[in-house]
Amino acid sequence: MALIGSVNSINASPYAKLADVITPTENTKLTGQTALAGAPGAVKEGFGSMFENMIHAVDAKESQANAVTQQVLLGKNDQLHQSVIAMQEASVAFSLMVEVRNKLVDSYQELMRLPV
């Protein structure tokens, strides 16, 4: 039983929600209608909640890496490689999140520079 998943299994739910925004779901394909932001029954999840879910996924990945490292340090687990892999996965996930944030800030600043 592997304690740590691969990098691809960070948390697919934020990315799956983004895919639903880009490509319509089966319900919208069948009815031909899309949910508007103010429409009754519309999902109130947007980009902010997707980014929040990504932050929680990165935090969970780091907590998991810290737990595995603590088990190795206490002698409860002798697989040092799993600890190193978990710490690297958490580091890569955090770096990705920071880069996404930087790109968003740059995009916002570029939009603010546009003449009205």
PDB file of N, CA and C in Angstrom:
ATOM      1  N   MET A   1       0.841  -1.177   0.000  1.00  0.00           N
ATOM      2  CA  MET A   1       0.000   0.000   0.000  1.00  0.00           C
ATOM      3  C   MET A   1       0.880   1.232   0.000  1.00  0.00           C
ATOM      4  N   ALA A   2       0.756   2.063  -1.010  1.00  0.00           N
ATOM      5  CA  ALA A   2       1.571   3.271  -1.107  1.00  0.00           C
ATOM      6  C   ALA A   2       0.934   4.387  -0.290  1.00  0.00           C
ATOM      7  N   LEU A   3       1.741   5.029   0.521  1.00  0.00           N
ATOM      8  CA  LEU A   3       1.243   6.137   1.329  1.00  0.00           C
ATOM      9  C   LEU A   3       1.108   7.411   0.516  1.00  0.00           C
ATOM     10  N   ILE A   4       1.919   7.573  -0.479  1.00  0.00           N
ATOM     11  CA  ILE A   4       1.953   8.800  -1.256  1.00  0.00           C
ATOM     12  C   ILE A   4       1.542   8.484  -2.686  1.00  0.00           C
ATOM     13  N   GLY A   5       0.631   9.306  -3.218  1.00  0.00           N
ATOM     14  CA  GLY A   5       0.207   9.147  -4.599  1.00  0.00           C
ATOM     15  C   GLY A   5       1.193   9.826  -5.531  1.00  0.00           C
ATOM     16  N   SER A   6       0.926   9.767  -6.791  1.00  0.00           N
ATOM     17  CA  SER A   6       1.819  10.401  -7.748  1.00  0.00           C
ATOM     18  C   SER A   6       1.510  11.890  -7.835  1.00  0.00           C
ATOM     19  N   VAL A   7       2.330  12.599  -8.545  1.00  0.00           N
ATOM     20  CA  VAL A   7       2.141  14.036  -8.706  1.00  0.00           C
ATOM     21  C   VAL A   7       0.817  14.311  -9.413  1.00  0.00           C
ATOM     22  N   ASN A   8       0.392  13.438 -10.291  1.00  0.00           N
ATOM     23  CA  ASN A   8      -0.855  13.643 -11.008  1.00  0.00           C
ATOM     24  C   ASN A   8      -2.071  13.544 -10.120  1.00  0.00           C
ATOM     25  N   SER A   9      -1.937  12.963  -8.932  1.00  0.00           N
ATOM     26  CA  SER A   9      -3.095  12.798  -8.071  1.00  0.00           C
ATOM     27  C   SER A   9      -3.118  13.836  -6.953  1.00  0.00           C
ATOM     28  N   ILE A  10      -2.615  15.045  -7.203  1.00  0.00           N
ATOM     29  CA  ILE A  10      -2.610  16.090  -6.181  1.00  0.00           C
ATOM     30  C   ILE A  10      -4.025  16.305  -5.697  1.00  0.00           C
ATOM     31  N   ASN A  11      -4.901  16.698  -6.538  1.00  0.00           N
ATOM     32  CA  ASN A  11      -6.324  16.792  -6.247  1.00  0.00           C
ATOM     33  C   ASN A  11      -6.983  17.197  -7.543  1.00  0.00           C
ATOM     34  N   ALA A  12      -7.643  16.275  -8.187  1.00  0.00           N
ATOM     35  CA  ALA A  12      -8.190  16.532  -9.503  1.00  0.00           C
ATOM     36  C   ALA A  12      -9.463  17.355  -9.458  1.00  0.00           C
ATOM     37  N   SER A  13     -10.094  17.497  -8.311  1.00  0.00           N
ATOM     38  CA  SER A  13     -11.380  18.176  -8.265  1.00  0.00           C
ATOM     39  C   SER A  13     -11.332  19.630  -8.720  1.00  0.00           C
ATOM     40  N   PRO A  14     -10.328  20.459  -8.369  1.00  0.00           N
ATOM     41  CA  PRO A  14     -10.338  21.818  -8.897  1.00  0.00           C
ATOM     42  C   PRO A  14     -10.208  21.848 -10.408  1.00  0.00           C
ATOM     43  N   TYR A  15      -9.383  20.950 -10.957  1.00  0.00           N
ATOM     44  CA  TYR A  15      -9.191  20.924 -12.386  1.00  0.00           C
ATOM     45  C   TYR A  15     -10.410  20.350 -13.098  1.00  0.00           C
ATOM     46  N   ALA A  16     -11.091  19.439 -12.455  1.00  0.00           N
ATOM     47  CA  ALA A  16     -12.314  18.891 -13.042  1.00  0.00           C
ATOM     48  C   ALA A  16     -13.391  19.959 -13.094  1.00  0.00           C
ATOM     49  N   LYS A  17     -13.471  20.811 -12.069  1.00  0.00           N
ATOM     50  CA  LYS A  17     -14.439  21.902 -12.080  1.00  0.00           C
ATOM     51  C   LYS A  17     -14.125  22.885 -13.190  1.00  0.00           C
ATOM     52  N   LEU A  18     -12.836  23.153 -13.418  1.00  0.00           N
ATOM     53  CA  LEU A  18     -12.450  24.040 -14.497  1.00  0.00           C
ATOM     54  C   LEU A  18     -12.830  23.426 -15.839  1.00  0.00           C
ATOM     55  N   ALA A  19     -12.674  22.127 -15.975  1.00  0.00           N
ATOM     56  CA  ALA A  19     -13.051  21.454 -17.221  1.00  0.00           C
ATOM     57  C   ALA A  19     -14.554  21.552 -17.443  1.00  0.00           C
ATOM     58  N   ASP A  20     -15.361  21.528 -16.370  1.00  0.00           N
ATOM     59  CA  ASP A  20     -16.803  21.678 -16.520  1.00  0.00           C
ATOM     60  C   ASP A  20     -17.172  23.074 -16.988  1.00  0.00           C
ATOM     61  N   VAL A  21     -16.381  24.068 -16.603  1.00  0.00           N
ATOM     62  CA  VAL A  21     -16.645  25.426 -17.059  1.00  0.00           C
ATOM     63  C   VAL A  21     -16.315  25.552 -18.533  1.00  0.00           C
ATOM     64  N   ILE A  22     -15.212  24.925 -18.945  1.00  0.00           N
ATOM     65  CA  ILE A  22     -14.774  25.040 -20.329  1.00  0.00           C
ATOM     66  C   ILE A  22     -15.639  24.189 -21.249  1.00  0.00           C
ATOM     67  N   THR A  23     -15.896  22.952 -20.868  1.00  0.00           N
ATOM     68  CA  THR A  23     -16.719  22.073 -21.683  1.00  0.00           C
ATOM     69  C   THR A  23     -18.020  21.782 -20.948  1.00  0.00           C
ATOM     70  N   PRO A  24     -19.138  21.847 -21.621  1.00  0.00           N
ATOM     71  CA  PRO A  24     -20.411  21.624 -20.937  1.00  0.00           C
ATOM     72  C   PRO A  24     -20.538  20.198 -20.416  1.00  0.00           C
ATOM     73  N   THR A  25     -21.280  20.041 -19.324  1.00  0.00           N
ATOM     74  CA  THR A  25     -21.508  18.723 -18.751  1.00  0.00           C
ATOM     75  C   THR A  25     -22.607  18.014 -19.533  1.00  0.00           C
ATOM     76  N   GLU A  26     -22.866  16.784 -19.160  1.00  0.00           N
ATOM     77  CA  GLU A  26     -23.900  16.008 -19.845  1.00  0.00           C
ATOM     78  C   GLU A  26     -25.277  16.661 -19.711  1.00  0.00           C
ATOM     79  N   ASN A  27     -25.586  17.247 -18.551  1.00  0.00           N
ATOM     80  CA  ASN A  27     -26.885  17.902 -18.375  1.00  0.00           C
ATOM     81  C   ASN A  27     -27.051  19.063 -19.335  1.00  0.00           C
ATOM     82  N   THR A  28     -26.021  19.871 -19.520  1.00  0.00           N
ATOM     83  CA  THR A  28     -26.134  21.005 -20.420  1.00  0.00           C
ATOM     84  C   THR A  28     -26.170  20.537 -21.871  1.00  0.00           C
ATOM     85  N   LYS A  29     -25.524  19.404 -22.173  1.00  0.00           N
ATOM     86  CA  LYS A  29     -25.587  18.883 -23.541  1.00  0.00           C
ATOM     87  C   LYS A  29     -26.993  18.389 -23.862  1.00  0.00           C
ATOM     88  N   LEU A  30     -27.634  17.759 -22.880  1.00  0.00           N
ATOM     89  CA  LEU A  30     -28.959  17.214 -23.127  1.00  0.00           C
ATOM     90  C   LEU A  30     -30.022  18.291 -23.211  1.00  0.00           C
ATOM     91  N   THR A  31     -29.959  19.288 -22.318  1.00  0.00           N
ATOM     92  CA  THR A  31     -31.000  20.309 -22.295  1.00  0.00           C
ATOM     93  C   THR A  31     -30.690  21.468 -23.213  1.00  0.00           C
ATOM     94  N   GLY A  32     -29.424  21.663 -23.528  1.00  0.00           N
ATOM     95  CA  GLY A  32     -29.051  22.784 -24.365  1.00  0.00           C
ATOM     96  C   GLY A  32     -29.007  24.091 -23.595  1.00  0.00           C
ATOM     97  N   GLN A  33     -29.134  24.059 -22.286  1.00  0.00           N
ATOM     98  CA  GLN A  33     -29.119  25.268 -21.467  1.00  0.00           C
ATOM     99  C   GLN A  33     -27.884  25.270 -20.593  1.00  0.00           C
ATOM    100  N   THR A  34     -27.411  26.454 -20.317  1.00  0.00           N
ATOM    101  CA  THR A  34     -26.302  26.603 -19.391  1.00  0.00           C
ATOM    102  C   THR A  34     -26.771  27.410 -18.201  1.00  0.00           C
ATOM    103  N   ALA A  35     -26.192  27.147 -17.052  1.00  0.00           N
ATOM    104  CA  ALA A  35     -26.573  27.862 -15.842  1.00  0.00           C
ATOM    105  C   ALA A  35     -25.900  29.222 -15.822  1.00  0.00           C
ATOM    106  N   LEU A  36     -26.687  30.278 -15.669  1.00  0.00           N
ATOM    107  CA  LEU A  36     -26.154  31.621 -15.555  1.00  0.00           C
ATOM    108  C   LEU A  36     -25.863  31.917 -14.098  1.00  0.00           C
ATOM    109  N   ALA A  37     -25.041  32.915 -13.859  1.00  0.00           N
ATOM    110  CA  ALA A  37     -24.615  33.211 -12.491  1.00  0.00           C
ATOM    111  C   ALA A  37     -25.790  33.593 -11.600  1.00  0.00           C
ATOM    112  N   GLY A  38     -26.769  34.328 -12.104  1.00  0.00           N
ATOM    113  CA  GLY A  38     -27.888  34.755 -11.277  1.00  0.00           C
ATOM    114  C   GLY A  38     -29.099  33.854 -11.389  1.00  0.00           C
ATOM    115  N   ALA A  39     -29.029  32.813 -12.198  1.00  0.00           N
ATOM    116  CA  ALA A  39     -30.183  31.948 -12.416  1.00  0.00           C
ATOM    117  C   ALA A  39     -30.430  31.065 -11.205  1.00  0.00           C
ATOM    118  N   PRO A  40     -31.711  30.774 -10.910  1.00  0.00           N
ATOM    119  CA  PRO A  40     -31.981  29.880  -9.795  1.00  0.00           C
ATOM    120  C   PRO A  40     -31.418  28.488 -10.082  1.00  0.00           C
ATOM    121  N   GLY A  41     -30.837  27.874  -9.080  1.00  0.00           N
ATOM    122  CA  GLY A  41     -30.273  26.540  -9.232  1.00  0.00           C
ATOM    123  C   GLY A  41     -28.878  26.546  -9.825  1.00  0.00           C
ATOM    124  N   ALA A  42     -28.340  27.750 -10.073  1.00  0.00           N
ATOM    125  CA  ALA A  42     -26.989  27.833 -10.625  1.00  0.00           C
ATOM    126  C   ALA A  42     -25.975  27.512  -9.535  1.00  0.00           C
ATOM    127  N   VAL A  43     -24.898  26.895  -9.934  1.00  0.00           N
ATOM    128  CA  VAL A  43     -23.838  26.557  -8.987  1.00  0.00           C
ATOM    129  C   VAL A  43     -23.103  27.850  -8.643  1.00  0.00           C
ATOM    130  N   LYS A  44     -22.889  28.100  -7.361  1.00  0.00           N
ATOM    131  CA  LYS A  44     -22.257  29.329  -6.906  1.00  0.00           C
ATOM    132  C   LYS A  44     -20.739  29.208  -6.815  1.00  0.00           C
ATOM    133  N   GLU A  45     -20.180  28.189  -7.410  1.00  0.00           N
ATOM    134  CA  GLU A  45     -18.742  28.002  -7.379  1.00  0.00           C
ATOM    135  C   GLU A  45     -18.128  28.620  -8.618  1.00  0.00           C
ATOM    136  N   GLY A  46     -17.125  29.418  -8.411  1.00  0.00           N
ATOM    137  CA  GLY A  46     -16.448  30.053  -9.522  1.00  0.00           C
ATOM    138  C   GLY A  46     -14.966  29.856  -9.427  1.00  0.00           C
ATOM    139  N   PHE A  47     -14.255  30.804 -10.016  1.00  0.00           N
ATOM    140  CA  PHE A  47     -12.807  30.703 -10.039  1.00  0.00           C
ATOM    141  C   PHE A  47     -12.222  30.827  -8.641  1.00  0.00           C
ATOM    142  N   GLY A  48     -12.821  31.673  -7.807  1.00  0.00           N
ATOM    143  CA  GLY A  48     -12.333  31.846  -6.442  1.00  0.00           C
ATOM    144  C   GLY A  48     -12.380  30.562  -5.644  1.00  0.00           C
ATOM    145  N   SER A  49     -13.490  29.838  -5.761  1.00  0.00           N
ATOM    146  CA  SER A  49     -13.599  28.578  -5.019  1.00  0.00           C
ATOM    147  C   SER A  49     -12.675  27.515  -5.605  1.00  0.00           C
ATOM    148  N   MET A  50     -12.436  27.575  -6.907  1.00  0.00           N
ATOM    149  CA  MET A  50     -11.508  26.633  -7.513  1.00  0.00           C
ATOM    150  C   MET A  50     -10.091  26.890  -6.995  1.00  0.00           C
ATOM    151  N   PHE A  51      -9.722  28.175  -6.894  1.00  0.00           N
ATOM    152  CA  PHE A  51      -8.396  28.515  -6.383  1.00  0.00           C
ATOM    153  C   PHE A  51      -8.292  28.157  -4.907  1.00  0.00           C
ATOM    154  N   GLU A  52      -9.373  28.349  -4.161  1.00  0.00           N
ATOM    155  CA  GLU A  52      -9.385  27.962  -2.747  1.00  0.00           C
ATOM    156  C   GLU A  52      -9.211  26.453  -2.591  1.00  0.00           C
ATOM    157  N   ASN A  53      -9.862  25.682  -3.444  1.00  0.00           N
ATOM    158  CA  ASN A  53      -9.702  24.224  -3.408  1.00  0.00           C
ATOM    159  C   ASN A  53      -8.260  23.819  -3.731  1.00  0.00           C
ATOM    160  N   MET A  54      -7.638  24.547  -4.651  1.00  0.00           N
ATOM    161  CA  MET A  54      -6.250  24.250  -4.977  1.00  0.00           C
ATOM    162  C   MET A  54      -5.347  24.541  -3.778  1.00  0.00           C
ATOM    163  N   ILE A  55      -5.628  25.622  -3.047  1.00  0.00           N
ATOM    164  CA  ILE A  55      -4.844  25.955  -1.855  1.00  0.00           C
ATOM    165  C   ILE A  55      -5.006  24.863  -0.802  1.00  0.00           C
ATOM    166  N   HIS A  56      -6.247  24.384  -0.616  1.00  0.00           N
ATOM    167  CA  HIS A  56      -6.474  23.312   0.357  1.00  0.00           C
ATOM    168  C   HIS A  56      -5.764  22.019  -0.060  1.00  0.00           C
ATOM    169  N   ALA A  57      -5.726  21.752  -1.367  1.00  0.00           N
ATOM    170  CA  ALA A  57      -5.038  20.553  -1.851  1.00  0.00           C
ATOM    171  C   ALA A  57      -3.539  20.640  -1.593  1.00  0.00           C
ATOM    172  N   VAL A  58      -2.965  21.824  -1.803  1.00  0.00           N
ATOM    173  CA  VAL A  58      -1.535  22.008  -1.544  1.00  0.00           C
ATOM    174  C   VAL A  58      -1.255  21.874  -0.052  1.00  0.00           C
ATOM    175  N   ASP A  59      -2.123  22.433   0.771  1.00  0.00           N
ATOM    176  CA  ASP A  59      -1.957  22.323   2.219  1.00  0.00           C
ATOM    177  C   ASP A  59      -2.055  20.866   2.669  1.00  0.00           C
ATOM    178  N   ALA A  60      -2.999  20.129   2.102  1.00  0.00           N
ATOM    179  CA  ALA A  60      -3.141  18.715   2.451  1.00  0.00           C
ATOM    180  C   ALA A  60      -1.907  17.923   2.027  1.00  0.00           C
ATOM    181  N   LYS A  61      -1.363  18.251   0.862  1.00  0.00           N
ATOM    182  CA  LYS A  61      -0.161  17.574   0.377  1.00  0.00           C
ATOM    183  C   LYS A  61       1.012  17.842   1.313  1.00  0.00           C
ATOM    184  N   GLU A  62       1.142  19.083   1.791  1.00  0.00           N
ATOM    185  CA  GLU A  62       2.237  19.398   2.710  1.00  0.00           C
ATOM    186  C   GLU A  62       2.024  18.732   4.063  1.00  0.00           C
ATOM    187  N   SER A  63       0.791  18.688   4.544  1.00  0.00           N
ATOM    188  CA  SER A  63       0.507  18.016   5.820  1.00  0.00           C
ATOM    189  C   SER A  63       0.820  16.527   5.733  1.00  0.00           C
ATOM    190  N   GLN A  64       0.478  15.931   4.598  1.00  0.00           N
ATOM    191  CA  GLN A  64       0.753  14.512   4.388  1.00  0.00           C
ATOM    192  C   GLN A  64       2.266  14.269   4.350  1.00  0.00           C
ATOM    193  N   ALA A  65       2.992  15.155   3.696  1.00  0.00           N
ATOM    194  CA  ALA A  65       4.446  15.018   3.630  1.00  0.00           C
ATOM    195  C   ALA A  65       5.067  15.171   5.014  1.00  0.00           C
ATOM    196  N   ASN A  66       4.561  16.115   5.805  1.00  0.00           N
ATOM    197  CA  ASN A  66       5.070  16.292   7.165  1.00  0.00           C
ATOM    198  C   ASN A  66       4.782  15.072   8.035  1.00  0.00           C
ATOM    199  N   ALA A  67       3.614  14.469   7.861  1.00  0.00           N
ATOM    200  CA  ALA A  67       3.272  13.281   8.643  1.00  0.00           C
ATOM    201  C   ALA A  67       4.187  12.110   8.307  1.00  0.00           C
ATOM    202  N   VAL A  68       4.459  11.910   7.021  1.00  0.00           N
ATOM    203  CA  VAL A  68       5.338  10.814   6.605  1.00  0.00           C
ATOM    204  C   VAL A  68       6.760  11.066   7.109  1.00  0.00           C
ATOM    205  N   THR A  69       7.209  12.312   7.022  1.00  0.00           N
ATOM    206  CA  THR A  69       8.549  12.654   7.506  1.00  0.00           C
ATOM    207  C   THR A  69       8.649  12.442   9.013  1.00  0.00           C
ATOM    208  N   GLN A  70       7.612  12.810   9.742  1.00  0.00           N
ATOM    209  CA  GLN A  70       7.615  12.619  11.188  1.00  0.00           C
ATOM    210  C   GLN A  70       7.667  11.132  11.540  1.00  0.00           C
ATOM    211  N   GLN A  71       6.951  10.296  10.782  1.00  0.00           N
ATOM    212  CA  GLN A  71       6.988   8.858  11.028  1.00  0.00           C
ATOM    213  C   GLN A  71       8.384   8.307  10.804  1.00  0.00           C
ATOM    214  N   VAL A  72       9.069   8.818   9.777  1.00  0.00           N
ATOM    215  CA  VAL A  72      10.438   8.357   9.510  1.00  0.00           C
ATOM    216  C   VAL A  72      11.366   8.805  10.635  1.00  0.00           C
ATOM    217  N   LEU A  73      11.206  10.048  11.078  1.00  0.00           N
ATOM    218  CA  LEU A  73      12.079  10.570  12.135  1.00  0.00           C
ATOM    219  C   LEU A  73      11.861   9.864  13.468  1.00  0.00           C
ATOM    220  N   LEU A  74      10.624   9.439  13.734  1.00  0.00           N
ATOM    221  CA  LEU A  74      10.327   8.737  14.984  1.00  0.00           C
ATOM    222  C   LEU A  74      10.644   7.252  14.919  1.00  0.00           C
ATOM    223  N   GLY A  75      11.012   6.751  13.736  1.00  0.00           N
ATOM    224  CA  GLY A  75      11.365   5.342  13.590  1.00  0.00           C
ATOM    225  C   GLY A  75      10.175   4.434  13.357  1.00  0.00           C
ATOM    226  N   LYS A  76       8.996   4.997  13.142  1.00  0.00           N
ATOM    227  CA  LYS A  76       7.800   4.183  12.891  1.00  0.00           C
ATOM    228  C   LYS A  76       7.757   3.680  11.445  1.00  0.00           C
ATOM    229  N   ASN A  77       8.508   4.315  10.587  1.00  0.00           N
ATOM    230  CA  ASN A  77       8.526   3.964   9.174  1.00  0.00           C
ATOM    231  C   ASN A  77       9.979   4.039   8.724  1.00  0.00           C
ATOM    232  N   ASP A  78      10.459   3.038   8.020  1.00  0.00           N
ATOM    233  CA  ASP A  78      11.858   3.027   7.603  1.00  0.00           C
ATOM    234  C   ASP A  78      12.038   3.368   6.126  1.00  0.00           C
ATOM    235  N   GLN A  79      11.021   3.906   5.494  1.00  0.00           N
ATOM    236  CA  GLN A  79      11.107   4.195   4.069  1.00  0.00           C
ATOM    237  C   GLN A  79      11.369   5.685   3.860  1.00  0.00           C
ATOM    238  N   LEU A  80      12.614   6.046   3.934  1.00  0.00           N
ATOM    239  CA  LEU A  80      13.040   7.433   3.795  1.00  0.00           C
ATOM    240  C   LEU A  80      12.695   7.989   2.417  1.00  0.00           C
ATOM    241  N   HIS A  81      12.746   7.141   1.401  1.00  0.00           N
ATOM    242  CA  HIS A  81      12.464   7.612   0.043  1.00  0.00           C
ATOM    243  C   HIS A  81      11.037   8.135  -0.085  1.00  0.00           C
ATOM    244  N   GLN A  82      10.076   7.536   0.634  1.00  0.00           N
ATOM    245  CA  GLN A  82       8.706   8.035   0.574  1.00  0.00           C
ATOM    246  C   GLN A  82       8.607   9.428   1.181  1.00  0.00           C
ATOM    247  N   SER A  83       9.362   9.665   2.218  1.00  0.00           N
ATOM    248  CA  SER A  83       9.376  10.985   2.844  1.00  0.00           C
ATOM    249  C   SER A  83       9.944  12.033   1.893  1.00  0.00           C
ATOM    250  N   VAL A  84      11.043  11.700   1.234  1.00  0.00           N
ATOM    251  CA  VAL A  84      11.666  12.636   0.301  1.00  0.00           C
ATOM    252  C   VAL A  84      10.746  12.901  -0.885  1.00  0.00           C
ATOM    253  N   ILE A  85      10.126  11.858  -1.396  1.00  0.00           N
ATOM    254  CA  ILE A  85       9.205  12.017  -2.527  1.00  0.00           C
ATOM    255  C   ILE A  85       8.016  12.880  -2.113  1.00  0.00           C
ATOM    256  N   ALA A  86       7.467  12.652  -0.930  1.00  0.00           N
ATOM    257  CA  ALA A  86       6.327  13.432  -0.457  1.00  0.00           C
ATOM    258  C   ALA A  86       6.690  14.903  -0.297  1.00  0.00           C
ATOM    259  N   MET A  87       7.888  15.176   0.226  1.00  0.00           N
ATOM    260  CA  MET A  87       8.318  16.564   0.385  1.00  0.00           C
ATOM    261  C   MET A  87       8.523  17.229  -0.979  1.00  0.00           C
ATOM    262  N   GLN A  88       9.047  16.495  -1.948  1.00  0.00           N
ATOM    263  CA  GLN A  88       9.233  17.065  -3.286  1.00  0.00           C
ATOM    264  C   GLN A  88       7.888  17.323  -3.966  1.00  0.00           C
ATOM    265  N   GLU A  89       6.933  16.406  -3.803  1.00  0.00           N
ATOM    266  CA  GLU A  89       5.600  16.616  -4.375  1.00  0.00           C
ATOM    267  C   GLU A  89       4.942  17.845  -3.767  1.00  0.00           C
ATOM    268  N   ALA A  90       5.078  18.020  -2.460  1.00  0.00           N
ATOM    269  CA  ALA A  90       4.516  19.195  -1.800  1.00  0.00           C
ATOM    270  C   ALA A  90       5.199  20.465  -2.295  1.00  0.00           C
ATOM    271  N   SER A  91       6.499  20.392  -2.492  1.00  0.00           N
ATOM    272  CA  SER A  91       7.242  21.552  -2.987  1.00  0.00           C
ATOM    273  C   SER A  91       6.813  21.932  -4.404  1.00  0.00           C
ATOM    274  N   VAL A  92       6.658  20.937  -5.264  1.00  0.00           N
ATOM    275  CA  VAL A  92       6.231  21.196  -6.643  1.00  0.00           C
ATOM    276  C   VAL A  92       4.810  21.751  -6.665  1.00  0.00           C
ATOM    277  N   ALA A  93       3.926  21.206  -5.847  1.00  0.00           N
ATOM    278  CA  ALA A  93       2.551  21.696  -5.788  1.00  0.00           C
ATOM    279  C   ALA A  93       2.512  23.145  -5.304  1.00  0.00           C
ATOM    280  N   PHE A  94       3.335  23.464  -4.298  1.00  0.00           N
ATOM    281  CA  PHE A  94       3.382  24.834  -3.793  1.00  0.00           C
ATOM    282  C   PHE A  94       3.940  25.777  -4.854  1.00  0.00           C
ATOM    283  N   SER A  95       4.986  25.350  -5.546  1.00  0.00           N
ATOM    284  CA  SER A  95       5.568  26.181  -6.615  1.00  0.00           C
ATOM    285  C   SER A  95       4.561  26.442  -7.722  1.00  0.00           C
ATOM    286  N   LEU A  96       3.799  25.426  -8.078  1.00  0.00           N
ATOM    287  CA  LEU A  96       2.760  25.597  -9.093  1.00  0.00           C
ATOM    288  C   LEU A  96       1.722  26.606  -8.635  1.00  0.00           C
ATOM    289  N   MET A  97       1.301  26.503  -7.381  1.00  0.00           N
ATOM    290  CA  MET A  97       0.304  27.433  -6.859  1.00  0.00           C
ATOM    291  C   MET A  97       0.836  28.866  -6.863  1.00  0.00           C
ATOM    292  N   VAL A  98       2.093  29.054  -6.491  1.00  0.00           N
ATOM    293  CA  VAL A  98       2.682  30.392  -6.481  1.00  0.00           C
ATOM    294  C   VAL A  98       2.780  30.945  -7.897  1.00  0.00           C
ATOM    295  N   GLU A  99       3.146  30.116  -8.851  1.00  0.00           N
ATOM    296  CA  GLU A  99       3.229  30.572 -10.239  1.00  0.00           C
ATOM    297  C   GLU A  99       1.862  30.957 -10.791  1.00  0.00           C
ATOM    298  N   VAL A 100       0.836  30.192 -10.448  1.00  0.00           N
ATOM    299  CA  VAL A 100      -0.525  30.535 -10.885  1.00  0.00           C
ATOM    300  C   VAL A 100      -0.929  31.873 -10.280  1.00  0.00           C
ATOM    301  N   ARG A 101      -0.627  32.067  -8.999  1.00  0.00           N
ATOM    302  CA  ARG A 101      -0.934  33.339  -8.352  1.00  0.00           C
ATOM    303  C   ARG A 101      -0.193  34.487  -9.020  1.00  0.00           C
ATOM    304  N   ASN A 102       1.088  34.286  -9.327  1.00  0.00           N
ATOM    305  CA  ASN A 102       1.872  35.336  -9.981  1.00  0.00           C
ATOM    306  C   ASN A 102       1.297  35.694 -11.345  1.00  0.00           C
ATOM    307  N   LYS A 103       0.885  34.685 -12.095  1.00  0.00           N
ATOM    308  CA  LYS A 103       0.294  34.950 -13.409  1.00  0.00           C
ATOM    309  C   LYS A 103      -1.024  35.711 -13.276  1.00  0.00           C
ATOM    310  N   LEU A 104      -1.807  35.374 -12.249  1.00  0.00           N
ATOM    311  CA  LEU A 104      -3.066  36.091 -12.033  1.00  0.00           C
ATOM    312  C   LEU A 104      -2.822  37.550 -11.669  1.00  0.00           C
ATOM    313  N   VAL A 105      -1.849  37.795 -10.812  1.00  0.00           N
ATOM    314  CA  VAL A 105      -1.519  39.172 -10.426  1.00  0.00           C
ATOM    315  C   VAL A 105      -1.006  39.937 -11.639  1.00  0.00           C
ATOM    316  N   ASP A 106      -0.151  39.326 -12.438  1.00  0.00           N
ATOM    317  CA  ASP A 106       0.346  39.985 -13.645  1.00  0.00           C
ATOM    318  C   ASP A 106      -0.793  40.301 -14.611  1.00  0.00           C
ATOM    319  N   SER A 107      -1.715  39.373 -14.765  1.00  0.00           N
ATOM    320  CA  SER A 107      -2.862  39.597 -15.654  1.00  0.00           C
ATOM    321  C   SER A 107      -3.726  40.740 -15.153  1.00  0.00           C
ATOM    322  N   TYR A 108      -3.958  40.775 -13.843  1.00  0.00           N
ATOM    323  CA  TYR A 108      -4.759  41.848 -13.259  1.00  0.00           C
ATOM    324  C   TYR A 108      -4.070  43.194 -13.467  1.00  0.00           C
ATOM    325  N   GLN A 109      -2.762  43.256 -13.240  1.00  0.00           N
ATOM    326  CA  GLN A 109      -2.035  44.500 -13.429  1.00  0.00           C
ATOM    327  C   GLN A 109      -2.057  44.946 -14.883  1.00  0.00           C
ATOM    328  N   GLU A 110      -1.979  43.998 -15.795  1.00  0.00           N
ATOM    329  CA  GLU A 110      -2.048  44.328 -17.218  1.00  0.00           C
ATOM    330  C   GLU A 110      -3.426  44.878 -17.579  1.00  0.00           C
ATOM    331  N   LEU A 111      -4.470  44.299 -17.024  1.00  0.00           N
ATOM    332  CA  LEU A 111      -5.820  44.819 -17.279  1.00  0.00           C
ATOM    333  C   LEU A 111      -5.998  46.217 -16.707  1.00  0.00           C
ATOM    334  N   MET A 112      -5.384  46.488 -15.587  1.00  0.00           N
ATOM    335  CA  MET A 112      -5.496  47.820 -14.971  1.00  0.00           C
ATOM    336  C   MET A 112      -4.753  48.874 -15.789  1.00  0.00           C
ATOM    337  N   ARG A 113      -3.764  48.470 -16.554  1.00  0.00           N
ATOM    338  CA  ARG A 113      -3.001  49.406 -17.396  1.00  0.00           C
ATOM    339  C   ARG A 113      -3.718  49.746 -18.707  1.00  0.00           C
ATOM    340  N   LEU A 114      -4.715  48.971 -19.064  1.00  0.00           N
ATOM    341  CA  LEU A 114      -5.420  49.230 -20.312  1.00  0.00           C
ATOM    342  C   LEU A 114      -6.207  50.531 -20.227  1.00  0.00           C
ATOM    343  N   PRO A 115      -6.172  51.317 -21.290  1.00  0.00           N
ATOM    344  CA  PRO A 115      -6.977  52.543 -21.270  1.00  0.00           C
ATOM    345  C   PRO A 115      -8.465  52.207 -21.394  1.00  0.00           C
ATOM    346  N   VAL A 116      -9.256  52.991 -20.747  1.00  0.00           N
ATOM    347  CA  VAL A 116     -10.710  52.731 -20.745  1.00  0.00           C
ATOM    348  C   VAL A 116     -11.383  53.376 -21.892  1.00  0.00           C
TER     349      VAL A 116
END
